[in-house]
N, C-alpha and C. Protein backbone atom coordinates (compact mmCIF):
# COMPACT_ATOMS: atom_id res chain seq x y z
N UNK A 1 -36.99 32.73 27.33
CA UNK A 1 -37.35 32.85 28.82
C UNK A 1 -38.35 32.09 29.41
N UNK A 2 -39.27 31.47 28.55
CA UNK A 2 -40.10 30.55 29.08
C UNK A 2 -39.64 29.33 29.21
N UNK A 3 -38.38 28.98 28.43
CA UNK A 3 -37.81 27.77 28.74
C UNK A 3 -36.95 27.73 29.99
N UNK A 4 -36.37 28.74 30.41
CA UNK A 4 -35.58 28.95 31.83
C UNK A 4 -36.85 28.82 32.85
N UNK A 5 -37.78 29.56 32.80
CA UNK A 5 -38.81 29.22 33.79
C UNK A 5 -39.23 27.86 33.72
N UNK A 6 -39.58 27.18 32.72
CA UNK A 6 -39.94 25.86 32.83
C UNK A 6 -38.93 24.88 33.48
N UNK A 7 -37.74 25.34 33.22
CA UNK A 7 -36.55 24.42 33.62
C UNK A 7 -36.58 24.59 35.32
N UNK A 8 -36.62 25.66 35.70
CA UNK A 8 -36.58 26.33 37.21
C UNK A 8 -37.89 25.48 37.74
N UNK A 9 -38.96 25.56 37.05
CA UNK A 9 -40.15 24.89 37.65
C UNK A 9 -40.00 23.38 37.83
N UNK A 10 -39.27 22.58 36.86
CA UNK A 10 -39.14 21.26 36.89
C UNK A 10 -37.97 20.94 37.92
N UNK A 11 -36.89 21.91 38.06
CA UNK A 11 -35.78 21.49 39.02
C UNK A 11 -36.70 21.52 40.45
N UNK A 12 -37.77 22.55 40.66
CA UNK A 12 -38.26 22.65 41.91
C UNK A 12 -39.02 21.50 42.23
N UNK A 13 -39.76 20.98 41.48
CA UNK A 13 -40.67 19.94 41.48
C UNK A 13 -39.94 18.55 41.87
N UNK A 14 -38.69 18.42 41.16
CA UNK A 14 -37.83 17.24 41.31
C UNK A 14 -37.28 17.46 42.86
N UNK A 15 -36.83 18.43 43.40
CA UNK A 15 -36.48 18.84 44.58
C UNK A 15 -37.51 18.48 45.66
N UNK A 16 -38.60 18.93 45.48
CA UNK A 16 -39.73 18.47 46.25
C UNK A 16 -40.12 17.06 46.31
N UNK A 17 -39.98 16.42 45.30
CA UNK A 17 -40.08 15.09 45.00
C UNK A 17 -39.04 14.16 45.77
N UNK A 18 -37.86 14.31 45.40
CA UNK A 18 -36.61 13.49 45.94
C UNK A 18 -35.75 14.38 47.07
N UNK A 19 -36.00 13.88 47.96
CA UNK A 19 -34.91 14.51 49.02
C UNK A 19 -33.55 14.66 48.56
N UNK A 20 -33.02 13.76 48.23
CA UNK A 20 -31.55 13.79 47.87
C UNK A 20 -30.99 14.73 46.79
N UNK A 21 -32.01 15.33 46.03
CA UNK A 21 -31.69 16.36 45.07
C UNK A 21 -31.29 17.75 45.65
N UNK A 22 -31.55 17.96 46.89
CA UNK A 22 -31.46 19.13 47.65
C UNK A 22 -32.30 20.27 47.30
N UNK A 23 -31.84 21.46 47.68
CA UNK A 23 -32.57 22.66 47.53
C UNK A 23 -31.66 23.72 47.94
N UNK A 24 -32.06 25.15 47.45
CA UNK A 24 -31.09 26.20 47.61
C UNK A 24 -30.27 26.25 49.10
N UNK A 25 -31.06 25.72 50.03
CA UNK A 25 -30.58 25.88 51.40
C UNK A 25 -29.82 24.66 51.92
N UNK A 26 -29.61 23.75 50.93
CA UNK A 26 -28.79 22.49 51.46
C UNK A 26 -27.49 23.02 51.75
N UNK A 27 -27.02 22.39 52.79
CA UNK A 27 -25.63 22.82 53.32
C UNK A 27 -24.72 21.69 52.57
N UNK A 28 -23.35 21.68 52.50
CA UNK A 28 -22.60 20.93 52.00
C UNK A 28 -22.19 19.74 52.90
N UNK A 29 -22.34 19.56 53.92
CA UNK A 29 -22.54 18.50 54.87
C UNK A 29 -23.73 17.58 54.64
N UNK A 30 -24.98 18.18 54.53
CA UNK A 30 -26.28 17.53 54.14
C UNK A 30 -26.01 16.90 52.81
N UNK A 31 -25.57 17.75 51.94
CA UNK A 31 -25.20 17.15 50.44
C UNK A 31 -24.30 15.88 50.21
N UNK A 32 -23.25 16.06 51.23
CA UNK A 32 -22.47 14.97 51.18
C UNK A 32 -22.87 13.61 51.87
N UNK A 33 -23.64 13.89 53.25
CA UNK A 33 -24.24 13.04 53.88
C UNK A 33 -25.23 12.19 52.88
N UNK A 34 -26.17 12.71 52.02
CA UNK A 34 -26.88 12.18 51.23
C UNK A 34 -26.12 11.34 50.19
N UNK A 35 -24.96 11.74 49.67
CA UNK A 35 -24.24 11.22 48.53
C UNK A 35 -23.80 9.62 49.17
N UNK A 36 -23.37 9.81 50.35
CA UNK A 36 -22.87 8.50 50.85
C UNK A 36 -23.72 7.59 51.32
N UNK A 37 -24.70 8.05 51.92
CA UNK A 37 -25.87 7.14 52.20
C UNK A 37 -26.56 6.47 51.07
N UNK A 38 -26.63 7.31 49.88
CA UNK A 38 -27.10 6.39 48.71
C UNK A 38 -26.23 5.50 48.18
N UNK A 39 -24.86 6.07 48.25
CA UNK A 39 -23.90 4.82 47.88
C UNK A 39 -23.86 3.64 48.80
N UNK A 40 -23.98 3.76 49.92
CA UNK A 40 -23.77 2.77 50.95
C UNK A 40 -25.09 1.78 50.70
N UNK A 41 -26.34 2.51 50.52
CA UNK A 41 -27.58 1.77 50.24
C UNK A 41 -27.70 0.83 49.28
N UNK A 42 -27.00 1.51 47.98
CA UNK A 42 -26.75 0.77 46.83
C UNK A 42 -25.98 -0.24 46.74
N UNK A 43 -24.96 -0.43 47.53
CA UNK A 43 -24.01 -1.46 47.61
C UNK A 43 -24.85 -2.68 48.37
N UNK A 44 -25.38 -2.05 49.66
CA UNK A 44 -25.88 -2.96 50.41
C UNK A 44 -27.36 -3.88 49.75
N UNK A 45 -27.93 -2.96 48.90
CA UNK A 45 -29.20 -3.28 47.93
C UNK A 45 -28.90 -4.40 46.92
N UNK A 46 -27.47 -4.33 46.29
CA UNK A 46 -27.16 -5.21 45.32
C UNK A 46 -26.29 -6.27 45.67
N UNK A 47 -26.67 -7.51 46.09
CA UNK A 47 -25.83 -8.50 46.67
C UNK A 47 -24.59 -8.99 45.57
N UNK A 48 -24.92 -8.73 44.34
CA UNK A 48 -23.44 -8.78 43.59
C UNK A 48 -22.62 -7.81 43.65
N UNK A 49 -22.71 -6.64 44.01
CA UNK A 49 -21.82 -5.65 44.32
C UNK A 49 -21.39 -5.73 45.81
N UNK A 50 -22.27 -6.31 46.64
CA UNK A 50 -21.74 -6.27 48.08
C UNK A 50 -20.78 -7.40 48.16
N UNK A 51 -20.97 -8.52 47.46
CA UNK A 51 -19.98 -9.63 47.17
C UNK A 51 -18.93 -9.21 46.64
N UNK A 52 -18.71 -8.51 45.62
CA UNK A 52 -17.30 -7.73 45.07
C UNK A 52 -16.91 -6.92 45.85
N UNK A 53 -17.57 -6.19 46.77
CA UNK A 53 -16.67 -5.33 47.64
C UNK A 53 -16.15 -6.12 48.98
N UNK A 54 -16.86 -7.10 49.35
CA UNK A 54 -16.51 -8.04 50.33
C UNK A 54 -15.17 -8.85 49.91
N UNK A 55 -15.30 -9.10 48.62
CA UNK A 55 -13.99 -10.07 48.01
C UNK A 55 -12.93 -9.17 48.08
N UNK A 56 -12.95 -7.86 47.77
CA UNK A 56 -12.05 -6.78 47.61
C UNK A 56 -11.46 -6.56 48.62
N UNK A 57 -12.04 -6.48 49.75
CA UNK A 57 -11.63 -6.18 51.30
C UNK A 57 -11.15 -7.10 52.25
N UNK A 58 -11.57 -8.79 51.35
CA UNK A 58 -11.34 -9.88 52.19
C UNK A 58 -12.00 -9.94 53.54
N UNK A 59 -13.40 -9.40 53.49
CA UNK A 59 -14.24 -9.57 54.56
C UNK A 59 -15.60 -10.60 54.14
N UNK A 60 -16.19 -10.94 55.27
CA UNK A 60 -17.32 -11.53 55.02
C UNK A 60 -18.56 -10.62 54.52
N UNK A 61 -19.23 -11.11 53.57
CA UNK A 61 -20.28 -10.08 53.10
C UNK A 61 -21.23 -9.61 54.22
N UNK A 62 -21.42 -10.70 54.99
CA UNK A 62 -22.38 -10.17 56.20
C UNK A 62 -21.76 -9.26 57.11
N UNK A 63 -20.55 -9.17 57.50
CA UNK A 63 -19.83 -8.43 58.22
C UNK A 63 -19.80 -7.01 57.44
N UNK A 64 -19.46 -6.89 56.22
CA UNK A 64 -19.41 -5.69 55.23
C UNK A 64 -20.73 -5.20 55.31
N UNK A 65 -21.89 -5.87 55.09
CA UNK A 65 -23.17 -5.38 55.07
C UNK A 65 -23.57 -4.52 56.29
N UNK A 66 -23.25 -5.31 57.47
CA UNK A 66 -23.54 -4.55 58.82
C UNK A 66 -22.81 -3.46 59.07
N UNK A 67 -21.39 -3.47 58.29
CA UNK A 67 -20.49 -2.27 58.72
C UNK A 67 -21.11 -1.04 57.82
N UNK A 68 -21.64 -1.12 56.74
CA UNK A 68 -22.13 -0.15 55.57
C UNK A 68 -23.41 0.30 56.15
N UNK A 69 -24.48 -0.49 56.76
CA UNK A 69 -25.50 -0.09 57.36
C UNK A 69 -25.24 0.82 58.72
N UNK A 70 -24.15 0.31 59.45
CA UNK A 70 -23.92 1.31 60.58
C UNK A 70 -23.35 2.74 60.09
N UNK A 71 -22.71 2.81 59.11
CA UNK A 71 -22.01 4.07 58.55
C UNK A 71 -22.96 4.79 57.92
N UNK A 72 -24.25 4.48 57.58
CA UNK A 72 -25.39 4.99 57.21
C UNK A 72 -25.87 6.35 58.33
N UNK A 73 -25.40 5.98 59.56
CA UNK A 73 -25.95 6.73 60.47
C UNK A 73 -25.32 8.26 60.41
N UNK A 74 -24.14 7.92 60.44
CA UNK A 74 -23.37 9.45 60.25
C UNK A 74 -22.17 9.30 59.39
N UNK A 75 -22.27 9.20 57.91
CA UNK A 75 -21.39 8.55 56.94
C UNK A 75 -20.30 9.63 57.05
N UNK A 76 -20.31 10.86 57.25
CA UNK A 76 -19.15 11.80 57.20
C UNK A 76 -19.03 12.40 58.57
N UNK A 77 -19.27 11.82 59.64
CA UNK A 77 -19.23 12.46 61.04
C UNK A 77 -20.47 13.36 61.22
N UNK A 78 -20.30 13.72 62.63
CA UNK A 78 -21.50 14.71 62.90
C UNK A 78 -21.51 16.15 62.47
N UNK A 79 -22.79 16.43 62.37
CA UNK A 79 -22.86 17.72 61.69
C UNK A 79 -22.04 18.77 62.25
N UNK A 80 -21.85 19.94 61.58
CA UNK A 80 -20.93 20.93 61.86
C UNK A 80 -21.62 21.96 62.87
N UNK A 81 -20.98 22.46 63.90
CA UNK A 81 -21.71 23.40 64.86
C UNK A 81 -22.29 24.62 64.07
N UNK A 82 -23.01 25.19 64.56
CA UNK A 82 -23.68 26.56 64.11
C UNK A 82 -22.71 27.59 64.21
N UNK A 83 -22.04 27.51 65.26
CA UNK A 83 -20.71 28.60 65.27
C UNK A 83 -19.63 28.37 64.16
N UNK A 84 -19.70 27.38 63.71
CA UNK A 84 -18.54 27.08 62.50
C UNK A 84 -19.61 27.73 61.30
N UNK A 85 -20.86 27.44 60.94
CA UNK A 85 -21.45 27.99 59.78
C UNK A 85 -21.30 29.63 59.83
N UNK A 86 -21.55 30.16 61.25
CA UNK A 86 -21.53 31.66 61.17
C UNK A 86 -20.24 32.20 60.88
N UNK A 87 -19.44 31.68 61.40
CA UNK A 87 -17.91 32.17 61.04
C UNK A 87 -17.42 32.07 59.40
N UNK A 88 -17.94 30.94 58.88
CA UNK A 88 -17.79 30.88 57.44
C UNK A 88 -18.65 31.96 56.69
N UNK A 89 -19.77 32.27 57.17
CA UNK A 89 -20.59 33.18 56.32
C UNK A 89 -19.94 34.49 56.47
N UNK A 90 -19.55 34.84 57.61
CA UNK A 90 -18.77 36.26 57.87
C UNK A 90 -17.70 36.63 57.14
């Protein structure tokens, strides 16, 4: 029982420290947005990975970098409306 409590406390501590880990109230849209943003920022932050992606897409690295940074604003589209959430819950 103590291990389970300790594990739960550790999870709560990590969720408070790192925003991307989510919490019980995290929606699917928020989770997917965090994953996409983390991926894009990793590609932009590692020049060798950015060069590889640019080569694979046959695009200049500078253009790909700008595109990925723009995608970070709304990586999976606008947030769902509150009406959709209420319908899904009911």
